[in-house]
Amino acid sequence: MLSIGPDPTLICDVGCELGEGPVWDAARACLWFVDIKGRRLHRFDPEDGGLKTWTTPDQTGFALPAEDGALICGLPSGLHRFDPETGAFSFLAEVEPDRPQNRLNDGFVAPDGTLWFGSMDDSERLRSGALYSWRRGVLTRHDDGYGVTNGPAMSPDGGTLYHNDTLQKRVYAFDHADGVLSNKRPFAETPDGYADGPSVDAAGVLHVGLFNGWGVARFSPAGERLGTIAFPVMTVTKAAFGGEDLKTLFCTTAWLGNADKRSEQPTLGGLYALRVETPGLPPTRVKL
């Protein structure tokens, strides 16, 4: 096992242009993540530091394990199934055929196996992004009008869903019950960076990656800023809990928009990790 301590440590100098979507795969004891702009899907083994990489057909915002052993991936054309054994992608479902300027971005799997994810204008100019769920082949649009979406994430009791409008540096909260959202409200602001990918620990603390904010912001279930985990690089795109005890916080980073900073921050785009006291929530798989 790699030696990981309480401070952010570079564990894979992969150099992603836009690293995103780290997700722990408990069955395989590995971490999946993507390089959206680099069109790569990565599988990282924390036991020996090994990395396996596949080229994706297009920009891939997320790759989340499904109950049949495949991964469900979000591409601009919609949802696709990825088979790790063959490396093949196969089309599953359209999402936004009426919004050709959009691509899919971040996503997560709820405890009941529902896939939640967002979309965004690839040029980051239009507020054409939306929030979706996909459960057993049924696609539902829950909210609309985002610039750049990130998340979602869910409270330990499943009663609150968090979703970020990154360009506004804002985290929203919704009441959630049986796949239905209501009572949208501002939950938190991140004036020190763009609110990127979120994850929740077992105590309900929300961890938000700060794009151009040099760290990961932590918020209580009441929305109180608890502090920031400082990083040696400026763009943390998402933090996700993993490892056997779910006490390793894996963090993707990016050099997108900061290519001129790479001489000063040569590990921009690398995969980082640190050990934390409170574990994350057990990962679940997409139900098909």
C-alpha atoms as a PDB file:
ATOM      1  CA  MET A   1       0.000   0.000   0.000  1.00  0.00           C
ATOM      2  CA  LEU A   2       1.209   3.495  -0.784  1.00  0.00           C
ATOM      3  CA  SER A   3       2.255   5.610   2.178  1.00  0.00           C
ATOM      4  CA  ILE A   4      -0.363   8.351   2.589  1.00  0.00           C
ATOM      5  CA  GLY A   5      -0.436  10.724   5.545  1.00  0.00           C
ATOM      6  CA  PRO A   6      -2.678  13.524   6.839  1.00  0.00           C
ATOM      7  CA  ASP A   7      -1.365  16.063   4.319  1.00  0.00           C
ATOM      8  CA  PRO A   8      -2.157  16.061   0.596  1.00  0.00           C
ATOM      9  CA  THR A   9       0.353  13.802  -1.128  1.00  0.00           C
ATOM     10  CA  LEU A  10       0.886  13.356  -4.849  1.00  0.00           C
ATOM     11  CA  ILE A  11       0.249   9.651  -5.518  1.00  0.00           C
ATOM     12  CA  CYS A  12       0.075   9.682  -9.324  1.00  0.00           C
ATOM     13  CA  ASP A  13       1.678  12.355 -11.496  1.00  0.00           C
ATOM     14  CA  VAL A  14      -0.731  11.722 -14.367  1.00  0.00           C
ATOM     15  CA  GLY A  15      -0.861  15.318 -15.658  1.00  0.00           C
ATOM     16  CA  CYS A  16      -4.579  15.548 -16.435  1.00  0.00           C
ATOM     17  CA  GLU A  17      -5.710  18.606 -18.342  1.00  0.00           C
ATOM     18  CA  LEU A  18      -9.050  18.315 -16.538  1.00  0.00           C
ATOM     19  CA  GLY A  19      -8.928  15.489 -13.994  1.00  0.00           C
ATOM     20  CA  GLU A  20     -12.380  14.789 -12.565  1.00  0.00           C
ATOM     21  CA  GLY A  21     -14.794  12.290 -11.097  1.00  0.00           C
ATOM     22  CA  PRO A  22     -12.723  10.163  -8.683  1.00  0.00           C
ATOM     23  CA  VAL A  23     -14.856   7.266  -7.439  1.00  0.00           C
ATOM     24  CA  TRP A  24     -13.889   4.340  -5.233  1.00  0.00           C
ATOM     25  CA  ASP A  25     -14.667   0.862  -6.594  1.00  0.00           C
ATOM     26  CA  ALA A  26     -14.812  -1.336  -3.483  1.00  0.00           C
ATOM     27  CA  ALA A  27     -15.216  -4.582  -5.423  1.00  0.00           C
ATOM     28  CA  ARG A  28     -12.001  -3.989  -7.376  1.00  0.00           C
ATOM     29  CA  ALA A  29     -10.224  -2.005  -4.620  1.00  0.00           C
ATOM     30  CA  CYS A  30      -9.325   0.712  -7.106  1.00  0.00           C
ATOM     31  CA  LEU A  31     -10.087   4.318  -7.941  1.00  0.00           C
ATOM     32  CA  TRP A  32     -11.592   5.366 -11.271  1.00  0.00           C
ATOM     33  CA  PHE A  33     -11.226   8.932 -12.573  1.00  0.00           C
ATOM     34  CA  VAL A  34     -11.280  10.755 -15.889  1.00  0.00           C
ATOM     35  CA  ASP A  35      -9.383  13.416 -17.795  1.00  0.00           C
ATOM     36  CA  ILE A  36     -12.305  15.119 -19.514  1.00  0.00           C
ATOM     37  CA  LYS A  37     -10.356  17.262 -21.971  1.00  0.00           C
ATOM     38  CA  GLY A  38      -7.645  14.657 -22.450  1.00  0.00           C
ATOM     39  CA  ARG A  39     -10.315  12.036 -23.306  1.00  0.00           C
ATOM     40  CA  ARG A  40      -8.884   9.465 -20.929  1.00  0.00           C
ATOM     41  CA  LEU A  41     -10.347   7.057 -18.367  1.00  0.00           C
ATOM     42  CA  HIS A  42      -7.953   6.019 -15.596  1.00  0.00           C
ATOM     43  CA  ARG A  43      -7.958   3.180 -13.063  1.00  0.00           C
ATOM     44  CA  PHE A  44      -5.573   3.659 -10.151  1.00  0.00           C
ATOM     45  CA  ASP A  45      -4.471   0.881  -7.794  1.00  0.00           C
ATOM     46  CA  PRO A  46      -3.525   2.345  -4.374  1.00  0.00           C
ATOM     47  CA  GLU A  47      -1.871  -0.920  -3.371  1.00  0.00           C
ATOM     48  CA  ASP A  48       1.051  -0.530  -5.756  1.00  0.00           C
ATOM     49  CA  GLY A  49       0.445   2.812  -7.472  1.00  0.00           C
ATOM     50  CA  GLY A  50      -0.342   1.171 -10.784  1.00  0.00           C
ATOM     51  CA  LEU A  51      -2.295   3.102 -13.400  1.00  0.00           C
ATOM     52  CA  LYS A  52      -4.208   1.730 -16.379  1.00  0.00           C
ATOM     53  CA  THR A  53      -5.583   4.120 -18.994  1.00  0.00           C
ATOM     54  CA  TRP A  54      -8.156   3.868 -21.768  1.00  0.00           C
ATOM     55  CA  THR A  55      -8.880   6.406 -24.514  1.00  0.00           C
ATOM     56  CA  THR A  56     -12.522   7.518 -24.498  1.00  0.00           C
ATOM     57  CA  PRO A  57     -14.586   8.260 -27.646  1.00  0.00           C
ATOM     58  CA  ASP A  58     -15.266  11.830 -26.523  1.00  0.00           C
ATOM     59  CA  GLN A  59     -15.085  14.075 -23.460  1.00  0.00           C
ATOM     60  CA  THR A  60     -16.219  11.951 -20.506  1.00  0.00           C
ATOM     61  CA  GLY A  61     -17.512  13.761 -17.420  1.00  0.00           C
ATOM     62  CA  PHE A  62     -17.898  10.714 -15.172  1.00  0.00           C
ATOM     63  CA  ALA A  63     -17.384   6.947 -15.109  1.00  0.00           C
ATOM     64  CA  LEU A  64     -19.332   5.250 -12.318  1.00  0.00           C
ATOM     65  CA  PRO A  65     -19.420   1.529 -11.465  1.00  0.00           C
ATOM     66  CA  ALA A  66     -22.645  -0.342 -12.248  1.00  0.00           C
ATOM     67  CA  GLU A  67     -24.120  -3.462 -10.723  1.00  0.00           C
ATOM     68  CA  ASP A  68     -23.068  -5.660 -13.663  1.00  0.00           C
ATOM     69  CA  GLY A  69     -19.366  -4.751 -13.366  1.00  0.00           C
ATOM     70  CA  ALA A  70     -19.412  -2.183 -16.172  1.00  0.00           C
ATOM     71  CA  LEU A  71     -19.059   1.584 -15.763  1.00  0.00           C
ATOM     72  CA  ILE A  72     -21.727   4.077 -16.803  1.00  0.00           C
ATOM     73  CA  CYS A  73     -20.063   7.039 -18.496  1.00  0.00           C
ATOM     74  CA  GLY A  74     -21.339  10.513 -19.344  1.00  0.00           C
ATOM     75  CA  LEU A  75     -20.364  11.661 -22.842  1.00  0.00           C
ATOM     76  CA  PRO A  76     -21.731  14.621 -24.841  1.00  0.00           C
ATOM     77  CA  SER A  77     -23.932  12.228 -26.824  1.00  0.00           C
ATOM     78  CA  GLY A  78     -25.439  10.730 -23.666  1.00  0.00           C
ATOM     79  CA  LEU A  79     -24.904   7.793 -21.345  1.00  0.00           C
ATOM     80  CA  HIS A  80     -22.602   4.972 -22.423  1.00  0.00           C
ATOM     81  CA  ARG A  81     -21.619   1.620 -20.924  1.00  0.00           C
ATOM     82  CA  PHE A  82     -17.901   0.869 -20.612  1.00  0.00           C
ATOM     83  CA  ASP A  83     -16.695  -2.726 -20.270  1.00  0.00           C
ATOM     84  CA  PRO A  84     -13.316  -2.785 -18.438  1.00  0.00           C
ATOM     85  CA  GLU A  85     -12.612  -6.290 -19.721  1.00  0.00           C
ATOM     86  CA  THR A  86     -12.802  -5.374 -23.405  1.00  0.00           C
ATOM     87  CA  GLY A  87     -12.311  -1.596 -23.288  1.00  0.00           C
ATOM     88  CA  ALA A  88     -15.463  -1.165 -25.406  1.00  0.00           C
ATOM     89  CA  PHE A  89     -17.981   1.656 -25.082  1.00  0.00           C
ATOM     90  CA  SER A  90     -21.632   1.058 -26.046  1.00  0.00           C
ATOM     91  CA  PHE A  91     -24.430   3.619 -26.242  1.00  0.00           C
ATOM     92  CA  LEU A  92     -27.177   3.503 -23.596  1.00  0.00           C
ATOM     93  CA  ALA A  93     -29.347   6.635 -23.703  1.00  0.00           C
ATOM     94  CA  GLU A  94     -29.611  10.147 -25.113  1.00  0.00           C
ATOM     95  CA  VAL A  95     -29.733  12.961 -22.577  1.00  0.00           C
ATOM     96  CA  GLU A  96     -29.811  16.324 -24.369  1.00  0.00           C
ATOM     97  CA  PRO A  97     -30.242  15.895 -28.122  1.00  0.00           C
ATOM     98  CA  ASP A  98     -31.740  19.401 -28.190  1.00  0.00           C
ATOM     99  CA  ARG A  99     -28.592  20.987 -26.647  1.00  0.00           C
ATOM    100  CA  PRO A 100     -25.709  20.074 -28.959  1.00  0.00           C
ATOM    101  CA  GLN A 101     -23.436  22.660 -27.331  1.00  0.00           C
ATOM    102  CA  ASN A 102     -23.598  20.795 -24.010  1.00  0.00           C
ATOM    103  CA  ARG A 103     -21.585  17.963 -22.529  1.00  0.00           C
ATOM    104  CA  LEU A 104     -22.163  15.929 -19.383  1.00  0.00           C
ATOM    105  CA  ASN A 105     -20.089  16.762 -16.335  1.00  0.00           C
ATOM    106  CA  ASP A 106     -19.925  15.407 -12.778  1.00  0.00           C
ATOM    107  CA  GLY A 107     -22.121  12.638 -11.337  1.00  0.00           C
ATOM    108  CA  PHE A 108     -22.655  10.266  -8.419  1.00  0.00           C
ATOM    109  CA  VAL A 109     -24.664   7.192  -7.434  1.00  0.00           C
ATOM    110  CA  ALA A 110     -27.269   7.451  -4.674  1.00  0.00           C
ATOM    111  CA  PRO A 111     -27.697   4.628  -2.119  1.00  0.00           C
ATOM    112  CA  ASP A 112     -30.723   3.309  -4.052  1.00  0.00           C
ATOM    113  CA  GLY A 113     -28.639   2.933  -7.221  1.00  0.00           C
ATOM    114  CA  THR A 114     -29.952   6.045  -8.984  1.00  0.00           C
ATOM    115  CA  LEU A 115     -27.420   7.870 -11.163  1.00  0.00           C
ATOM    116  CA  TRP A 116     -27.469  11.642 -10.609  1.00  0.00           C
ATOM    117  CA  PHE A 117     -25.485  13.971 -12.892  1.00  0.00           C
ATOM    118  CA  GLY A 118     -25.341  17.396 -14.494  1.00  0.00           C
ATOM    119  CA  SER A 119     -24.692  18.942 -17.896  1.00  0.00           C
ATOM    120  CA  MET A 120     -23.029  22.169 -19.018  1.00  0.00           C
ATOM    121  CA  ASP A 121     -22.242  24.317 -22.039  1.00  0.00           C
ATOM    122  CA  ASP A 122     -18.824  23.109 -23.166  1.00  0.00           C
ATOM    123  CA  SER A 123     -17.746  26.695 -23.910  1.00  0.00           C
ATOM    124  CA  GLU A 124     -18.895  27.812 -20.427  1.00  0.00           C
ATOM    125  CA  ARG A 125     -20.776  30.773 -21.955  1.00  0.00           C
ATOM    126  CA  LEU A 126     -24.431  29.693 -21.854  1.00  0.00           C
ATOM    127  CA  ARG A 127     -26.469  28.784 -18.793  1.00  0.00           C
ATOM    128  CA  SER A 128     -27.742  25.672 -20.546  1.00  0.00           C
ATOM    129  CA  GLY A 129     -26.729  23.104 -17.933  1.00  0.00           C
ATOM    130  CA  ALA A 130     -29.265  20.971 -16.083  1.00  0.00           C
ATOM    131  CA  LEU A 131     -29.514  18.436 -13.249  1.00  0.00           C
ATOM    132  CA  TYR A 132     -30.686  14.905 -14.080  1.00  0.00           C
ATOM    133  CA  SER A 133     -31.330  11.505 -12.597  1.00  0.00           C
ATOM    134  CA  TRP A 134     -31.339   8.173 -14.431  1.00  0.00           C
ATOM    135  CA  ARG A 135     -32.881   5.130 -12.787  1.00  0.00           C
ATOM    136  CA  ARG A 136     -33.342   1.835 -14.576  1.00  0.00           C
ATOM    137  CA  GLY A 137     -33.564   3.516 -17.952  1.00  0.00           C
ATOM    138  CA  VAL A 138     -35.799   6.423 -16.922  1.00  0.00           C
ATOM    139  CA  LEU A 139     -34.264   9.899 -17.359  1.00  0.00           C
ATOM    140  CA  THR A 140     -35.625  12.853 -15.349  1.00  0.00           C
ATOM    141  CA  ARG A 141     -34.622  16.517 -15.566  1.00  0.00           C
ATOM    142  CA  HIS A 142     -34.921  18.041 -12.088  1.00  0.00           C
ATOM    143  CA  ASP A 143     -33.456  21.545 -12.450  1.00  0.00           C
ATOM    144  CA  ASP A 144     -32.162  23.820 -15.208  1.00  0.00           C
ATOM    145  CA  GLY A 145     -30.262  27.027 -15.953  1.00  0.00           C
ATOM    146  CA  TYR A 146     -26.731  26.223 -14.745  1.00  0.00           C
ATOM    147  CA  GLY A 147     -23.458  27.517 -16.154  1.00  0.00           C
ATOM    148  CA  VAL A 148     -21.177  24.703 -14.998  1.00  0.00           C
ATOM    149  CA  THR A 149     -22.698  21.915 -12.894  1.00  0.00           C
ATOM    150  CA  ASN A 150     -20.741  19.898 -10.336  1.00  0.00           C
ATOM    151  CA  GLY A 151     -21.928  17.112  -8.074  1.00  0.00           C
ATOM    152  CA  PRO A 152     -24.405  16.089  -6.973  1.00  0.00           C
ATOM    153  CA  ALA A 153     -23.791  14.638  -3.520  1.00  0.00           C
ATOM    154  CA  MET A 154     -26.210  13.470  -0.842  1.00  0.00           C
ATOM    155  CA  SER A 155     -26.446  13.682   2.952  1.00  0.00           C
ATOM    156  CA  PRO A 156     -26.019  10.458   4.942  1.00  0.00           C
ATOM    157  CA  ASP A 157     -29.773  10.200   5.615  1.00  0.00           C
ATOM    158  CA  GLY A 158     -30.613  10.811   1.961  1.00  0.00           C
ATOM    159  CA  GLY A 159     -32.813  13.782   2.840  1.00  0.00           C
ATOM    160  CA  THR A 160     -30.634  16.488   1.248  1.00  0.00           C
ATOM    161  CA  LEU A 161     -29.066  16.624  -2.200  1.00  0.00           C
ATOM    162  CA  TYR A 162     -26.278  19.128  -2.899  1.00  0.00           C
ATOM    163  CA  HIS A 163     -25.508  20.488  -6.350  1.00  0.00           C
ATOM    164  CA  ASN A 164     -23.016  23.176  -7.380  1.00  0.00           C
ATOM    165  CA  ASP A 165     -23.268  26.052  -9.822  1.00  0.00           C
ATOM    166  CA  THR A 166     -19.518  26.361 -10.223  1.00  0.00           C
ATOM    167  CA  LEU A 167     -19.273  29.659 -12.072  1.00  0.00           C
ATOM    168  CA  GLN A 168     -21.419  31.327  -9.403  1.00  0.00           C
ATOM    169  CA  LYS A 169     -19.199  29.824  -6.666  1.00  0.00           C
ATOM    170  CA  ARG A 170     -22.352  28.494  -5.048  1.00  0.00           C
ATOM    171  CA  VAL A 171     -23.594  25.240  -3.560  1.00  0.00           C
ATOM    172  CA  TYR A 172     -27.339  24.598  -3.619  1.00  0.00           C
ATOM    173  CA  ALA A 173     -29.277  22.218  -1.388  1.00  0.00           C
ATOM    174  CA  PHE A 174     -32.537  20.453  -2.201  1.00  0.00           C
ATOM    175  CA  ASP A 175     -34.864  18.394  -0.065  1.00  0.00           C
ATOM    176  CA  HIS A 176     -34.855  14.852  -1.448  1.00  0.00           C
ATOM    177  CA  ALA A 177     -37.429  12.082  -0.996  1.00  0.00           C
ATOM    178  CA  ASP A 178     -37.939   9.032  -3.218  1.00  0.00           C
ATOM    179  CA  GLY A 179     -36.126  10.583  -6.165  1.00  0.00           C
ATOM    180  CA  VAL A 180     -38.073  13.864  -6.008  1.00  0.00           C
ATOM    181  CA  LEU A 181     -36.377  17.211  -5.313  1.00  0.00           C
ATOM    182  CA  SER A 182     -37.970  20.270  -3.707  1.00  0.00           C
ATOM    183  CA  ASN A 183     -37.116  23.417  -1.749  1.00  0.00           C
ATOM    184  CA  LYS A 184     -34.026  24.494  -3.702  1.00  0.00           C
ATOM    185  CA  ARG A 185     -31.980  26.949  -1.659  1.00  0.00           C
ATOM    186  CA  PRO A 186     -28.461  28.409  -1.482  1.00  0.00           C
ATOM    187  CA  PHE A 187     -26.400  26.304   0.919  1.00  0.00           C
ATOM    188  CA  ALA A 188     -22.889  27.773   0.775  1.00  0.00           C
ATOM    189  CA  GLU A 189     -20.618  30.128  -1.154  1.00  0.00           C
ATOM    190  CA  THR A 190     -16.945  29.659  -2.054  1.00  0.00           C
ATOM    191  CA  PRO A 191     -15.509  33.160  -2.626  1.00  0.00           C
ATOM    192  CA  ASP A 192     -11.959  31.776  -2.497  1.00  0.00           C
ATOM    193  CA  GLY A 193     -12.414  29.467  -5.482  1.00  0.00           C
ATOM    194  CA  TYR A 194     -14.915  27.962  -7.899  1.00  0.00           C
ATOM    195  CA  ALA A 195     -17.108  25.331  -6.219  1.00  0.00           C
ATOM    196  CA  ASP A 196     -16.083  22.140  -7.990  1.00  0.00           C
ATOM    197  CA  GLY A 197     -16.889  18.485  -7.249  1.00  0.00           C
ATOM    198  CA  PRO A 198     -18.438  17.681  -3.833  1.00  0.00           C
ATOM    199  CA  SER A 199     -18.474  14.604  -1.572  1.00  0.00           C
ATOM    200  CA  VAL A 200     -20.004  13.949   1.857  1.00  0.00           C
ATOM    201  CA  ASP A 201     -18.500  12.091   4.816  1.00  0.00           C
ATOM    202  CA  ALA A 202     -20.289   9.899   7.360  1.00  0.00           C
ATOM    203  CA  ALA A 203     -20.840  12.894   9.657  1.00  0.00           C
ATOM    204  CA  GLY A 204     -22.574  14.835   6.889  1.00  0.00           C
ATOM    205  CA  VAL A 205     -19.673  17.233   6.263  1.00  0.00           C
ATOM    206  CA  LEU A 206     -19.581  18.400   2.645  1.00  0.00           C
ATOM    207  CA  HIS A 207     -16.146  18.496   0.991  1.00  0.00           C
ATOM    208  CA  VAL A 208     -15.972  20.799  -2.058  1.00  0.00           C
ATOM    209  CA  GLY A 209     -13.014  20.967  -4.421  1.00  0.00           C
ATOM    210  CA  LEU A 210     -11.913  24.548  -5.091  1.00  0.00           C
ATOM    211  CA  PHE A 211     -10.939  25.228  -8.690  1.00  0.00           C
ATOM    212  CA  ASN A 212      -8.305  27.981  -8.506  1.00  0.00           C
ATOM    213  CA  GLY A 213      -8.783  27.975  -4.733  1.00  0.00           C
ATOM    214  CA  TRP A 214      -5.794  25.889  -3.570  1.00  0.00           C
ATOM    215  CA  GLY A 215      -7.735  23.313  -1.587  1.00  0.00           C
ATOM    216  CA  VAL A 216     -10.890  21.567  -0.461  1.00  0.00           C
ATOM    217  CA  ALA A 217     -13.533  23.526   1.467  1.00  0.00           C
ATOM    218  CA  ARG A 218     -15.443  21.788   4.281  1.00  0.00           C
ATOM    219  CA  PHE A 219     -19.008  22.683   5.282  1.00  0.00           C
ATOM    220  CA  SER A 220     -21.164  21.460   8.155  1.00  0.00           C
ATOM    221  CA  PRO A 221     -24.667  20.098   7.444  1.00  0.00           C
ATOM    222  CA  ALA A 222     -25.912  23.577   8.431  1.00  0.00           C
ATOM    223  CA  GLY A 223     -23.778  25.261   5.754  1.00  0.00           C
ATOM    224  CA  GLU A 224     -21.146  26.637   8.140  1.00  0.00           C
ATOM    225  CA  ARG A 225     -17.643  26.828   6.675  1.00  0.00           C
ATOM    226  CA  LEU A 226     -15.502  24.544   8.845  1.00  0.00           C
ATOM    227  CA  GLY A 227     -12.227  25.290   7.116  1.00  0.00           C
ATOM    228  CA  THR A 228     -10.099  24.384   4.121  1.00  0.00           C
ATOM    229  CA  ILE A 229      -7.703  21.542   3.441  1.00  0.00           C
ATOM    230  CA  ALA A 230      -4.786  23.370   1.830  1.00  0.00           C
ATOM    231  CA  PHE A 231      -3.151  21.929  -1.309  1.00  0.00           C
ATOM    232  CA  PRO A 232       0.167  22.673  -3.019  1.00  0.00           C
ATOM    233  CA  VAL A 233      -1.623  23.103  -6.376  1.00  0.00           C
ATOM    234  CA  MET A 234      -4.321  25.622  -7.224  1.00  0.00           C
ATOM    235  CA  THR A 235      -7.003  23.547  -8.965  1.00  0.00           C
ATOM    236  CA  VAL A 236      -8.657  20.768  -6.965  1.00  0.00           C
ATOM    237  CA  THR A 237     -11.555  19.466  -9.041  1.00  0.00           C
ATOM    238  CA  LYS A 238     -13.076  16.857  -6.727  1.00  0.00           C
ATOM    239  CA  ALA A 239     -12.440  15.011  -3.462  1.00  0.00           C
ATOM    240  CA  ALA A 240     -13.819  11.486  -2.985  1.00  0.00           C
ATOM    241  CA  PHE A 241     -13.530   9.040  -0.106  1.00  0.00           C
ATOM    242  CA  GLY A 242     -12.060   5.601  -0.655  1.00  0.00           C
ATOM    243  CA  GLY A 243      -9.754   2.890   0.584  1.00  0.00           C
ATOM    244  CA  GLU A 244     -10.767  -0.140   2.618  1.00  0.00           C
ATOM    245  CA  ASP A 245     -11.843   2.019   5.584  1.00  0.00           C
ATOM    246  CA  LEU A 246     -13.099   4.935   3.418  1.00  0.00           C
ATOM    247  CA  LYS A 247     -10.699   7.258   5.249  1.00  0.00           C
ATOM    248  CA  THR A 248      -8.536   8.148   2.268  1.00  0.00           C
ATOM    249  CA  LEU A 249      -9.571  11.320   0.478  1.00  0.00           C
ATOM    250  CA  PHE A 250      -8.594  11.037  -3.191  1.00  0.00           C
ATOM    251  CA  CYS A 251      -8.451  14.353  -5.053  1.00  0.00           C
ATOM    252  CA  THR A 252      -8.202  15.040  -8.773  1.00  0.00           C
ATOM    253  CA  THR A 253      -6.627  18.248 -10.071  1.00  0.00           C
ATOM    254  CA  ALA A 254      -6.284  20.009 -13.436  1.00  0.00           C
ATOM    255  CA  TRP A 255      -4.120  22.381 -15.432  1.00  0.00           C
ATOM    256  CA  LEU A 256      -7.012  23.569 -17.643  1.00  0.00           C
ATOM    257  CA  GLY A 257      -6.875  27.370 -17.818  1.00  0.00           C
ATOM    258  CA  ASN A 258      -3.543  27.358 -15.997  1.00  0.00           C
ATOM    259  CA  ALA A 259      -1.081  25.980 -18.529  1.00  0.00           C
ATOM    260  CA  ASP A 260       1.176  28.966 -17.840  1.00  0.00           C
ATOM    261  CA  LYS A 261       1.398  27.940 -14.172  1.00  0.00           C
ATOM    262  CA  ARG A 262       2.791  24.469 -14.849  1.00  0.00           C
ATOM    263  CA  SER A 263       6.407  25.544 -14.548  1.00  0.00           C
ATOM    264  CA  GLU A 264       5.666  26.752 -11.000  1.00  0.00           C
ATOM    265  CA  GLN A 265       3.240  23.921 -10.203  1.00  0.00           C
ATOM    266  CA  PRO A 266       4.516  20.941 -12.208  1.00  0.00           C
ATOM    267  CA  THR A 267       2.134  18.494 -10.527  1.00  0.00           C
ATOM    268  CA  LEU A 268      -1.020  20.303 -11.664  1.00  0.00           C
ATOM    269  CA  GLY A 269      -3.243  17.573 -13.060  1.00  0.00           C
ATOM    270  CA  GLY A 270      -1.916  14.938 -10.669  1.00  0.00           C
ATOM    271  CA  LEU A 271      -3.897  12.668  -8.368  1.00  0.00           C
ATOM    272  CA  TYR A 272      -3.504  13.527  -4.679  1.00  0.00           C
ATOM    273  CA  ALA A 273      -4.586  11.766  -1.487  1.00  0.00           C
ATOM    274  CA  LEU A 274      -4.638  12.307   2.257  1.00  0.00           C
ATOM    275  CA  ARG A 275      -5.859  10.417   5.307  1.00  0.00           C
ATOM    276  CA  VAL A 276      -8.824  11.788   7.275  1.00  0.00           C
ATOM    277  CA  GLU A 277     -10.423  10.923  10.624  1.00  0.00           C
ATOM    278  CA  THR A 278     -14.050  10.609   9.489  1.00  0.00           C
ATOM    279  CA  PRO A 279     -14.800   8.043   6.784  1.00  0.00           C
ATOM    280  CA  GLY A 280     -16.847   8.685   3.708  1.00  0.00           C
ATOM    281  CA  LEU A 281     -20.121   7.010   2.821  1.00  0.00           C
ATOM    282  CA  PRO A 282     -20.083   3.476   1.352  1.00  0.00           C
ATOM    283  CA  PRO A 283     -20.029   3.612  -2.455  1.00  0.00           C
ATOM    284  CA  THR A 284     -22.981   2.193  -4.362  1.00  0.00           C
ATOM    285  CA  ARG A 285     -23.359   0.962  -7.927  1.00  0.00           C
ATOM    286  CA  VAL A 286     -25.685   2.129 -10.658  1.00  0.00           C
ATOM    287  CA  LYS A 287     -28.764  -0.098 -10.909  1.00  0.00           C
ATOM    288  CA  LEU A 288     -29.504  -1.002 -14.499  1.00  0.00           C
END
